[in-house]
Amino acid sequence: MIPKASFTGPDICAQPARKVVELLKKGDISPSELIDASLTRIKQVSPAVNATVTLCEDRARNSLQDLPELAENHSQEPGWLAGLPIGIKDLNLVSGVKTTYGNVGLKDFIPQESDHLVSLLEQRGGVVLGKTNTPEFGAGGNTFNEVFGQTRNPWDTRKNAGGSSGGAAVSLATGEFWLSHGSDLGGSLRTPASYCGIVGLRPSPGRCGGGPALTAFSTEGVSGPMARDVEDLALFLDAMCGYDPKSPLTIEAPATSFQKALEQSTNKIRIGFSEDQGGFAPVEKYMRQLLRSAMDKMSDAGSIVEDACPALPGLHDTFMTLRGIHFGSLNAYLPQEIQKHFKKTLAENTEFGVKLESSKIYDAIRQRTVIYNSCQQFFERYDVLAIPVTGIEPGLAEEEYPTVVDNQPMQGYMDWLRFSFLATTATLPAISVPVAFTESGMPVGIQLVGPPRGEAKLLQAALAIERTLQLPSSPIDPILR
C-alpha cells in the first residue's frame, strides 16, 4: 500500500524538472525565482532530514549573469538546463564552495577550480546551489559524517537514507532540488535511490565524466544522474554527457539523445529476473515478494519475464579487490592530517587496498573479463537483468549497516550491498527504479542492469516499469516518527 504523504513546499518545487526547464526556456519563470523556491524548501526540511549541507546562494545568483552567453552556445543541446538549480554531492569540487568529503580534516577546504563534470553542467545551464551530504569519502551505505552529521530518510526520519548519495536522494524526495548529482562505486547511487523512492543511474564509465582527478583511469567510481522519474533522469543524463580530453575515459554523447530514445519505450521488454542473483546474497522474504509482484505486473503488461541470471564466477572476490585498488590508489595517498580522521571502516578499507597481494590484483583483472563475457552473452537473450538493489529495507539511522539479512549474519559492511557488485565489476550501466512500498511504508526499488553502454535500452525499460506500476513521483514532506 502506498503511504499517504503531503507536500507543503512551493508549488514549483513539485513540478518535474523537464517541465520547469521548458518554463525557463519560454521565460515564464526565472532562474532567480527558482533559487528562491529551492532555498525556501531547503529551509523548511533541513532540520528534519539534513540533505543539503552547504549552500552557495551568492555564487548561484552571480552565475546567472553568464546564462545569456551560455544560451547562445548551448541552448540547442538536448541537455540544456536553462538556469535550473541543481545539487552537487560533497565529493565533487565546486570552485569557491566548501568541499569537505565528509572529513574533519577538510571541513574548511575551499577549492579554486571545479571538477570537469561540474563545469560541464554549468556550461549547460545548471546552477549549482548547494552541496549534498555524503559519508566520509563516499564510503558507506548510510549517509553520515563528523562534519555535518546524519541524513535521514524522508519516508521515516528515524531511518537512514542509504549512501553514499543519501543527501542527493533526499534532496529530490523532499523537493529541495529538481535534479541532483550522485556517484556510485558500491551502490552509492542505487541504494539511496531505492530507499528514498527516486531514480538513480550508475552509467557506464566515461558516460558522465571520468574517474577521480588523481586516478582518472579508474572505472570503479563514477558520477551519475538522480531524479524523481525516468524522463527527468534522461534530461540530466543528456546534460552530463560528452567527451572531455581532460578526462581520458569520457565518451562522446550519443547521436540520439537519451530523452529522444525514451520515445521508443515499449512494454515488450525481455527481462531476465533473479530474486537473489543466483543465490549471491540473502534477501528478506517480503523483498522477494514485492519484486516478484512487480515483475508479474510487467509480464501481464506484455513483457517477457524469465527467471535467469548470468554465471558470475568469482564476482565477490573480484569486486572486493577492484574496490581495494580504488582505496589503495586514492585514499592511501591522502595526507596524514586527513587520514587520521578516517572512520574505522574507511581506515580498514584503505588498509585492505594497500595490503593487496599482486596475485589478487592480477586475478581480478582477468576474472572481470570472464564476468563481462558472461554478461554479454546473457544480453544476447535479454534486454535487462532485474535484481534487488538491496535485500532489506532501511534500518535506523544510528545503525551504520545491517548485521543480519534474512537471518544470515553479514561479515562486513559491504556484505549487504552485494547486489551492487556486478555492474561495477563488469562496467555495465544499472538503474534503480521504484516498484513498491513495504508494509512499514518504505520505498523499494528494483535494479535493472543493462548491456555494455546500453543506457538508452536501460532507460526505456525503466520507463516501461514506471508507467506500468504508476507509483507517485512527487516530493513529500518528511514523515516525522
Protein backbone atom coordinates (compact mmCIF):
# COMPACT_ATOMS: atom_id res chain seq x y z
CA MET A 1 0.00 0.00 0.00
CA ILE A 2 1.29 3.46 -0.90
CA PRO A 3 1.59 5.58 2.26
CA LYS A 4 -0.14 8.94 2.36
CA ALA A 5 2.27 11.86 2.12
CA SER A 6 1.77 15.62 1.93
CA PHE A 7 3.83 18.33 0.28
CA THR A 8 3.72 21.88 1.66
CA GLY A 9 6.66 23.38 -0.22
CA PRO A 10 6.47 25.90 -3.08
CA ASP A 11 4.31 24.52 -5.90
CA ILE A 12 7.10 24.88 -8.46
CA CYS A 13 9.33 22.55 -6.42
CA ALA A 14 6.89 19.70 -7.05
CA GLN A 15 6.97 20.11 -10.81
CA PRO A 16 9.09 17.76 -12.96
CA ALA A 17 12.49 19.10 -13.96
CA ARG A 18 11.68 18.83 -17.66
CA LYS A 19 8.56 20.99 -17.23
CA VAL A 20 10.48 23.59 -15.22
CA VAL A 21 13.19 23.72 -17.89
CA GLU A 22 10.51 24.33 -20.50
CA LEU A 23 9.15 27.19 -18.41
CA LEU A 24 12.66 28.61 -18.19
CA LYS A 25 13.15 28.36 -21.94
CA LYS A 26 9.88 30.21 -22.55
CA GLY A 27 10.69 32.88 -19.99
CA ASP A 28 7.61 32.01 -17.93
CA ILE A 29 9.75 31.70 -14.82
CA SER A 30 13.21 33.00 -13.96
CA PRO A 31 16.22 31.17 -12.51
CA SER A 32 16.19 33.67 -9.65
CA GLU A 33 12.63 32.65 -8.75
CA LEU A 34 13.68 29.00 -8.77
CA ILE A 35 16.62 29.76 -6.48
CA ASP A 36 14.17 31.44 -4.10
CA ALA A 37 11.84 28.43 -4.19
CA SER A 38 14.64 25.93 -3.68
CA LEU A 39 16.08 27.87 -0.75
CA THR A 40 12.63 28.11 0.82
CA ARG A 41 12.20 24.34 0.59
CA ILE A 42 15.69 23.60 1.91
CA LYS A 43 14.99 25.81 4.92
CA GLN A 44 11.69 24.00 5.52
CA VAL A 45 13.02 20.46 5.54
CA SER A 46 16.69 20.66 6.52
CA PRO A 47 16.09 20.34 10.28
CA ALA A 48 14.31 17.04 9.69
CA VAL A 49 16.46 15.40 7.00
CA ASN A 50 19.81 17.26 6.68
CA ALA A 51 20.27 16.62 2.96
CA THR A 52 21.79 19.83 1.54
CA VAL A 53 24.61 20.72 3.91
CA THR A 54 26.37 23.63 2.18
CA LEU A 55 24.63 26.43 0.30
CA CYS A 56 26.25 28.77 -2.23
CA GLU A 57 23.47 31.27 -2.87
CA ASP A 58 25.68 34.23 -3.79
CA ARG A 59 27.70 32.14 -6.25
CA ALA A 60 24.49 30.78 -7.78
CA ARG A 61 22.96 34.24 -8.25
CA ASN A 62 26.20 35.65 -9.65
CA SER A 63 26.34 32.81 -12.18
CA LEU A 64 23.02 33.92 -13.69
CA GLN A 65 24.74 36.78 -15.49
CA ASP A 66 26.54 34.20 -17.65
CA LEU A 67 23.34 32.47 -18.77
CA PRO A 68 22.64 34.63 -21.87
CA GLU A 69 26.10 33.89 -23.32
CA LEU A 70 25.83 30.22 -22.40
CA ALA A 71 22.43 30.03 -24.06
CA GLU A 72 23.93 31.29 -27.32
CA ASN A 73 26.38 28.39 -27.34
CA HIS A 74 24.46 25.55 -25.70
CA SER A 75 20.69 26.13 -25.79
CA GLN A 76 20.21 23.73 -28.72
CA GLU A 77 21.86 20.85 -26.85
CA PRO A 78 19.44 18.21 -25.51
CA GLY A 79 20.89 18.61 -22.02
CA TRP A 80 20.42 22.39 -21.79
CA LEU A 81 19.11 23.13 -18.27
CA ALA A 82 18.40 26.84 -18.86
CA GLY A 83 19.13 28.06 -15.32
CA LEU A 84 17.76 25.16 -13.26
CA PRO A 85 19.20 24.97 -9.71
CA ILE A 86 20.92 21.63 -9.02
CA GLY A 87 22.68 19.91 -6.16
CA ILE A 88 26.25 18.53 -6.28
CA LYS A 89 27.42 15.74 -3.99
CA ASP A 90 30.05 16.82 -1.46
CA LEU A 91 32.68 14.62 -3.12
CA ASN A 92 32.99 16.85 -6.19
CA LEU A 93 34.79 20.16 -6.37
CA VAL A 94 32.82 23.35 -6.93
CA SER A 95 35.03 26.41 -7.22
CA GLY A 96 34.75 28.77 -4.27
CA VAL A 97 32.46 26.40 -2.34
CA LYS A 98 33.40 24.38 0.71
CA THR A 99 34.04 20.75 -0.25
CA THR A 100 34.64 18.51 2.76
CA TYR A 101 34.31 14.91 1.53
CA GLY A 102 32.72 14.41 4.95
CA ASN A 103 36.18 14.51 6.55
CA VAL A 104 37.04 16.70 9.55
CA GLY A 105 40.49 17.39 8.12
CA LEU A 106 38.82 19.03 5.09
CA LYS A 107 35.98 20.80 6.88
CA ASP A 108 37.28 24.22 5.76
CA PHE A 109 38.63 23.25 2.32
CA ILE A 110 37.55 25.59 -0.50
CA PRO A 111 38.78 24.59 -3.98
CA GLN A 112 39.68 27.19 -6.58
CA GLU A 113 38.59 25.09 -9.57
CA SER A 114 35.55 22.90 -10.22
CA ASP A 115 35.57 19.30 -11.35
CA HIS A 116 35.20 18.93 -15.12
CA LEU A 117 31.69 17.49 -14.77
CA VAL A 118 30.56 20.40 -12.61
CA SER A 119 31.93 22.86 -15.18
CA LEU A 120 30.12 20.98 -17.96
CA LEU A 121 26.82 21.13 -16.08
CA GLU A 122 27.26 24.85 -15.52
CA GLN A 123 28.06 25.39 -19.21
CA ARG A 124 24.77 23.66 -19.98
CA GLY A 125 22.76 25.97 -17.77
CA GLY A 126 22.82 24.12 -14.47
CA VAL A 127 23.00 26.49 -11.49
CA VAL A 128 24.84 24.90 -8.58
CA LEU A 129 23.02 25.99 -5.43
CA GLY A 130 24.32 23.55 -2.83
CA LYS A 131 26.34 20.52 -1.83
CA THR A 132 24.56 17.37 -0.63
CA ASN A 133 25.67 15.17 2.24
CA THR A 134 27.75 12.00 1.90
CA PRO A 135 29.51 9.57 4.22
CA GLU A 136 33.24 10.21 4.58
CA PHE A 137 34.85 9.92 1.13
CA GLY A 138 31.70 8.17 -0.05
CA ALA A 139 32.49 5.02 1.91
CA GLY A 140 29.26 3.58 3.27
CA GLY A 141 25.64 2.71 2.60
CA ASN A 142 24.43 5.10 5.33
CA THR A 143 24.95 8.85 4.92
CA PHE A 144 26.59 10.39 8.00
CA ASN A 145 29.90 12.04 8.85
CA GLU A 146 31.56 14.01 11.64
CA VAL A 147 31.36 17.29 9.73
CA PHE A 148 27.63 17.54 9.00
CA GLY A 149 26.05 14.64 10.85
CA GLN A 150 23.28 12.28 9.74
CA THR A 151 21.00 12.48 6.72
CA ARG A 152 17.58 10.95 7.43
CA ASN A 153 15.03 9.21 5.27
CA PRO A 154 12.04 11.46 4.47
CA TRP A 155 9.65 8.49 4.46
CA ASP A 156 10.51 7.84 8.12
CA THR A 157 13.01 10.17 9.72
CA ARG A 158 14.03 7.50 12.23
CA LYS A 159 15.64 5.58 9.38
CA ASN A 160 18.68 6.07 7.17
CA ALA A 161 18.58 7.27 3.57
CA GLY A 162 21.17 4.87 2.20
CA GLY A 163 24.50 6.01 0.86
CA SER A 164 26.70 7.36 -0.25
CA SER A 165 24.47 9.67 -2.32
CA GLY A 166 21.96 9.86 0.51
CA GLY A 167 21.90 13.65 0.61
CA ALA A 168 21.23 13.80 -3.12
CA ALA A 169 18.38 11.29 -2.94
CA VAL A 170 16.71 13.06 -0.02
CA SER A 171 17.10 16.46 -1.69
CA LEU A 172 14.99 15.10 -4.56
CA ALA A 173 12.46 13.19 -2.48
CA THR A 174 11.69 16.31 -0.42
CA GLY A 175 11.66 18.79 -3.31
CA GLU A 176 14.80 20.73 -2.44
CA PHE A 177 16.11 20.21 -5.99
CA TRP A 178 14.64 19.02 -9.28
CA LEU A 179 17.86 17.21 -10.26
CA SER A 180 20.76 16.17 -8.05
CA HIS A 181 24.18 14.76 -8.87
CA GLY A 182 25.35 11.48 -7.36
CA SER A 183 28.17 8.97 -7.67
CA ASP A 184 28.50 5.23 -7.31
CA LEU A 185 31.12 2.58 -6.62
CA GLY A 186 29.33 0.02 -4.47
CA GLY A 187 25.71 1.06 -4.93
CA SER A 188 26.13 4.67 -3.81
CA LEU A 189 23.57 5.91 -6.35
CA ARG A 190 21.39 2.84 -6.41
CA THR A 191 20.87 2.19 -2.68
CA PRO A 192 19.69 5.71 -1.71
CA ALA A 193 17.51 5.87 -4.82
CA SER A 194 15.76 2.68 -3.74
CA TYR A 195 15.49 3.77 -0.11
CA CYS A 196 14.07 7.21 -0.93
CA GLY A 197 11.72 6.33 -3.78
CA ILE A 198 13.55 8.15 -6.56
CA VAL A 199 15.53 7.10 -9.65
CA GLY A 200 19.31 6.76 -9.74
CA LEU A 201 21.53 5.67 -12.62
CA ARG A 202 25.05 4.30 -12.40
CA PRO A 203 26.19 4.90 -16.00
CA SER A 204 28.93 3.23 -17.98
CA PRO A 205 32.38 4.54 -17.05
CA GLY A 206 33.10 7.69 -19.02
CA ARG A 207 29.46 8.42 -19.80
CA CYS A 208 29.21 11.18 -17.16
CA GLY A 209 32.74 12.44 -16.78
CA GLY A 210 35.81 10.49 -15.76
CA GLY A 211 37.09 8.98 -12.56
CA PRO A 212 38.56 10.94 -9.64
CA ALA A 213 41.09 13.55 -10.75
CA LEU A 214 44.05 11.72 -9.24
CA THR A 215 43.02 8.31 -10.61
CA ALA A 216 41.50 9.37 -13.92
CA PHE A 217 41.75 5.90 -15.47
CA SER A 218 39.70 4.25 -12.73
CA THR A 219 36.39 2.71 -13.82
CA GLU A 220 35.01 1.82 -10.40
CA GLY A 221 33.76 5.14 -9.03
CA VAL A 222 31.54 7.04 -11.48
CA SER A 223 29.26 10.08 -11.37
CA GLY A 224 25.66 9.80 -12.47
CA PRO A 225 22.24 11.46 -12.53
CA MET A 226 19.50 11.24 -9.91
CA ALA A 227 15.93 12.43 -10.42
CA ARG A 228 12.33 11.85 -9.36
CA ASP A 229 11.34 9.99 -12.50
CA VAL A 230 12.90 8.42 -15.59
CA GLU A 231 12.15 11.23 -18.03
CA ASP A 232 13.84 13.77 -15.76
CA LEU A 233 16.75 11.37 -15.37
CA ALA A 234 17.17 11.24 -19.15
CA LEU A 235 17.32 15.04 -19.25
CA PHE A 236 20.03 15.10 -16.57
CA LEU A 237 21.96 12.31 -18.28
CA ASP A 238 21.99 14.30 -21.52
CA ALA A 239 23.32 17.29 -19.56
CA MET A 240 26.18 15.18 -18.17
CA CYS A 241 27.29 13.56 -21.44
CA GLY A 242 30.21 14.44 -23.64
CA TYR A 243 33.87 13.83 -24.31
CA ASP A 244 36.39 15.84 -22.31
CA PRO A 245 40.08 15.47 -23.21
CA LYS A 246 40.99 16.24 -19.61
CA SER A 247 39.14 13.07 -18.57
CA PRO A 248 40.66 10.20 -20.58
CA LEU A 249 37.79 7.73 -20.18
CA THR A 250 34.99 10.05 -21.25
CA ILE A 251 33.00 9.11 -24.34
CA GLU A 252 31.11 11.14 -26.89
CA ALA A 253 27.44 11.90 -26.36
CA PRO A 254 25.23 9.55 -28.40
CA ALA A 255 23.88 10.66 -31.77
CA THR A 256 20.34 10.22 -30.43
CA SER A 257 19.72 11.92 -27.09
CA PHE A 258 18.54 9.82 -24.18
CA GLN A 259 15.37 11.90 -23.99
CA LYS A 260 14.66 11.08 -27.63
CA ALA A 261 15.44 7.41 -27.03
CA LEU A 262 12.67 7.26 -24.44
CA GLU A 263 10.14 7.80 -27.19
CA GLN A 264 10.89 4.24 -28.30
CA SER A 265 10.00 2.77 -24.90
CA THR A 266 7.70 -0.26 -25.05
CA ASN A 267 6.25 -2.77 -22.60
CA LYS A 268 7.62 -5.61 -24.70
CA ILE A 269 10.86 -5.97 -22.74
CA ARG A 270 12.84 -9.17 -22.37
CA ILE A 271 13.65 -9.32 -18.67
CA GLY A 272 15.89 -11.86 -17.00
CA PHE A 273 14.84 -11.76 -13.35
CA SER A 274 16.62 -13.15 -10.32
CA GLU A 275 15.36 -12.68 -6.76
CA ASP A 276 18.82 -13.18 -5.29
CA GLN A 277 21.24 -13.14 -8.25
CA GLY A 278 21.58 -16.89 -8.28
CA GLY A 279 21.97 -17.14 -4.50
CA PHE A 280 24.69 -14.49 -4.42
CA ALA A 281 23.20 -12.66 -1.42
CA PRO A 282 20.39 -13.09 1.12
CA VAL A 283 17.06 -11.34 0.55
CA GLU A 284 14.25 -10.89 3.03
CA LYS A 285 11.05 -12.75 2.15
CA TYR A 286 8.97 -9.57 1.85
CA MET A 287 11.51 -8.10 -0.59
CA ARG A 288 11.31 -11.19 -2.78
CA GLN A 289 7.53 -10.95 -2.82
CA LEU A 290 7.49 -7.25 -3.71
CA LEU A 291 9.99 -7.63 -6.54
CA ARG A 292 8.27 -10.76 -7.85
CA SER A 293 4.92 -8.95 -7.82
CA ALA A 294 6.38 -6.07 -9.83
CA MET A 295 7.76 -8.49 -12.42
CA ASP A 296 4.41 -10.30 -12.60
CA LYS A 297 2.77 -6.98 -13.45
CA MET A 298 5.33 -6.40 -16.18
CA SER A 299 4.59 -9.83 -17.57
CA ASP A 300 0.86 -9.08 -17.56
CA ALA A 301 1.61 -5.84 -19.43
CA GLY A 302 3.36 -7.64 -22.27
CA SER A 303 6.96 -8.13 -21.21
CA ILE A 304 8.77 -11.46 -21.30
CA VAL A 305 9.95 -12.18 -17.77
CA GLU A 306 12.01 -15.29 -17.12
CA ASP A 307 13.94 -16.44 -14.08
CA ALA A 308 17.51 -16.10 -15.30
CA CYS A 309 20.93 -14.87 -14.21
CA PRO A 310 24.32 -14.97 -15.92
CA ALA A 311 27.05 -17.14 -14.47
CA LEU A 312 29.25 -14.86 -12.37
CA PRO A 313 32.23 -16.91 -11.12
CA GLY A 314 34.44 -15.14 -8.60
CA LEU A 315 32.33 -11.97 -8.54
CA HIS A 316 32.70 -11.32 -4.81
CA ASP A 317 36.49 -11.53 -4.65
CA THR A 318 36.89 -9.70 -7.97
CA PHE A 319 34.79 -6.75 -6.85
CA MET A 320 36.39 -6.54 -3.43
CA THR A 321 39.85 -6.50 -4.99
CA LEU A 322 38.90 -3.80 -7.51
CA ARG A 323 37.39 -1.77 -4.71
CA GLY A 324 40.58 -2.26 -2.72
CA ILE A 325 42.61 -0.94 -5.64
CA HIS A 326 40.40 2.16 -5.61
CA PHE A 327 41.08 2.84 -1.93
CA GLY A 328 44.73 1.88 -2.17
CA SER A 329 45.42 4.16 -5.13
CA LEU A 330 43.35 7.12 -3.92
CA ASN A 331 42.67 7.34 -0.19
CA ALA A 332 46.03 5.87 0.84
CA TYR A 333 47.79 8.79 -0.87
CA LEU A 334 45.95 11.46 1.07
CA PRO A 335 47.97 13.47 3.62
CA GLN A 336 48.20 12.03 7.10
CA GLU A 337 46.36 15.01 8.59
CA ILE A 338 43.34 13.85 6.57
CA GLN A 339 43.78 10.09 7.05
CA LYS A 340 43.99 10.46 10.82
CA HIS A 341 40.30 11.43 10.84
CA PHE A 342 39.15 8.36 8.87
CA LYS A 343 36.28 6.48 10.46
CA LYS A 344 37.07 2.88 11.36
CA THR A 345 35.55 1.27 8.28
CA LEU A 346 37.24 3.75 5.92
CA ALA A 347 40.61 3.15 7.55
CA GLU A 348 40.08 -0.61 7.22
CA ASN A 349 39.12 -0.26 3.55
CA THR A 350 42.25 1.75 2.85
CA GLU A 351 44.49 -0.71 4.69
CA PHE A 352 42.92 -3.59 2.78
CA GLY A 353 43.76 -1.87 -0.50
CA VAL A 354 47.34 -1.11 0.47
CA LYS A 355 48.00 -4.70 1.53
CA LEU A 356 46.54 -6.37 -1.57
CA GLU A 357 48.83 -9.06 -2.96
CA SER A 358 49.79 -8.65 -6.61
CA SER A 359 48.36 -12.07 -7.45
CA LYS A 360 44.93 -10.91 -6.18
CA ILE A 361 45.10 -7.84 -8.42
CA TYR A 362 46.05 -9.87 -11.49
CA ASP A 363 43.32 -12.42 -10.77
CA ALA A 364 40.71 -9.65 -10.51
CA ILE A 365 41.76 -8.04 -13.78
CA ARG A 366 41.45 -11.37 -15.56
CA GLN A 367 38.26 -12.51 -13.81
CA ARG A 368 36.31 -9.34 -14.52
CA THR A 369 36.76 -10.18 -18.22
CA VAL A 370 35.21 -13.61 -17.62
CA ILE A 371 32.28 -11.95 -15.85
CA TYR A 372 31.89 -9.34 -18.60
CA ASN A 373 31.83 -12.02 -21.30
CA SER A 374 29.20 -13.98 -19.38
CA CYS A 375 27.02 -10.86 -19.15
CA GLN A 376 27.46 -10.04 -22.81
CA GLN A 377 26.20 -13.50 -23.70
CA PHE A 378 23.25 -13.02 -21.32
CA PHE A 379 22.26 -9.80 -23.09
CA GLU A 380 22.01 -11.58 -26.40
CA ARG A 381 18.78 -13.06 -25.00
CA TYR A 382 17.57 -10.37 -22.58
CA ASP A 383 17.29 -6.58 -22.69
CA VAL A 384 17.95 -6.17 -18.96
CA LEU A 385 18.77 -8.16 -15.86
CA ALA A 386 16.42 -7.37 -12.95
CA ILE A 387 17.79 -7.98 -9.44
CA PRO A 388 17.34 -6.43 -6.00
CA VAL A 389 19.07 -3.20 -5.06
CA THR A 390 19.38 -4.50 -1.51
CA GLY A 391 17.88 -7.47 0.28
CA ILE A 392 16.42 -5.41 3.11
CA GLU A 393 14.62 -2.11 3.72
CA PRO A 394 16.46 0.74 5.51
CA GLY A 395 17.26 0.39 9.17
CA LEU A 396 17.57 3.00 11.89
CA ALA A 397 19.79 5.96 11.09
CA GLU A 398 22.07 5.18 14.04
CA GLU A 399 22.92 1.70 12.69
CA GLU A 400 25.83 2.01 10.27
CA TYR A 401 24.75 -1.11 8.36
CA PRO A 402 22.52 -4.16 8.88
CA THR A 403 24.30 -7.02 10.59
CA VAL A 404 21.71 -9.64 9.63
CA VAL A 405 19.71 -10.12 6.41
CA ASP A 406 17.17 -12.94 6.12
CA ASN A 407 18.62 -14.48 9.32
CA GLN A 408 22.11 -14.58 7.80
CA PRO A 409 24.86 -12.60 9.58
CA MET A 410 26.75 -10.05 7.49
CA GLN A 411 30.54 -10.43 7.65
CA GLY A 412 31.20 -6.75 6.94
CA TYR A 413 29.52 -3.56 5.86
CA MET A 414 29.80 -4.40 2.15
CA ASP A 415 28.15 -7.80 2.54
CA TRP A 416 24.62 -6.37 2.47
CA LEU A 417 25.47 -4.36 -0.68
CA ARG A 418 26.44 -7.38 -2.79
CA PHE A 419 23.85 -6.66 -5.45
CA SER A 420 25.86 -3.58 -6.42
CA PHE A 421 28.97 -5.61 -7.29
CA LEU A 422 28.03 -6.82 -10.78
CA ALA A 423 27.50 -3.54 -12.62
CA THR A 424 30.67 -2.03 -11.18
CA THR A 425 32.82 -5.07 -11.92
CA ALA A 426 31.56 -5.55 -15.49
CA THR A 427 31.36 -1.78 -16.28
CA LEU A 428 27.64 -2.11 -17.06
CA PRO A 429 25.03 0.62 -16.60
CA ALA A 430 22.49 0.00 -13.83
CA ILE A 431 19.46 1.87 -12.58
CA SER A 432 17.24 1.74 -9.50
CA VAL A 433 13.58 2.44 -10.27
CA PRO A 434 10.78 2.42 -7.66
CA VAL A 435 8.43 -0.57 -7.77
CA ALA A 436 6.73 -0.90 -4.35
CA PHE A 437 6.42 0.06 -0.70
CA THR A 438 6.95 -2.22 2.29
CA GLU A 439 4.31 -2.73 4.97
CA SER A 440 6.17 -0.19 7.09
CA GLY A 441 5.78 2.41 4.32
CA MET A 442 9.35 2.41 2.94
CA PRO A 443 10.04 2.64 -0.81
CA VAL A 444 11.56 -0.30 -2.67
CA GLY A 445 13.40 -0.07 -5.95
CA ILE A 446 14.38 -2.77 -8.39
CA GLN A 447 17.79 -2.73 -10.02
CA LEU A 448 17.97 -3.09 -13.78
CA VAL A 449 21.39 -3.89 -15.21
CA GLY A 450 21.81 -3.17 -18.91
CA PRO A 451 24.16 -4.23 -21.71
CA PRO A 452 27.51 -2.50 -22.28
CA ARG A 453 26.95 1.21 -22.90
CA GLY A 454 23.25 0.39 -23.03
CA GLU A 455 21.87 3.36 -21.12
CA ALA A 456 19.21 4.02 -23.76
CA LYS A 457 17.81 0.49 -23.57
CA LEU A 458 18.03 0.62 -19.78
CA LEU A 459 16.08 3.87 -19.59
CA GLN A 460 13.44 2.52 -21.96
CA ALA A 461 12.93 -0.49 -19.71
CA ALA A 462 12.83 1.67 -16.59
CA LEU A 463 10.22 3.95 -18.15
CA ALA A 464 8.07 0.94 -19.07
CA ILE A 465 8.18 -0.24 -15.45
CA GLU A 466 7.41 3.25 -14.19
CA ARG A 467 4.39 3.61 -16.48
CA THR A 468 3.10 0.12 -15.74
CA LEU A 469 3.29 0.41 -11.94
CA GLN A 470 2.26 4.10 -11.79
CA LEU A 471 3.82 4.87 -8.42
CA PRO A 472 3.81 8.52 -7.32
CA SER A 473 6.93 10.53 -8.10
CA SER A 474 6.03 13.80 -6.39
CA PRO A 475 8.17 15.09 -3.49
CA ILE A 476 6.96 14.74 0.06
CA ASP A 477 7.15 16.43 3.43
CA PRO A 478 9.40 14.45 5.79
CA ILE A 479 7.37 11.96 7.82
CA LEU A 480 8.38 12.51 11.45
CA ARG A 481 8.13 9.47 13.67
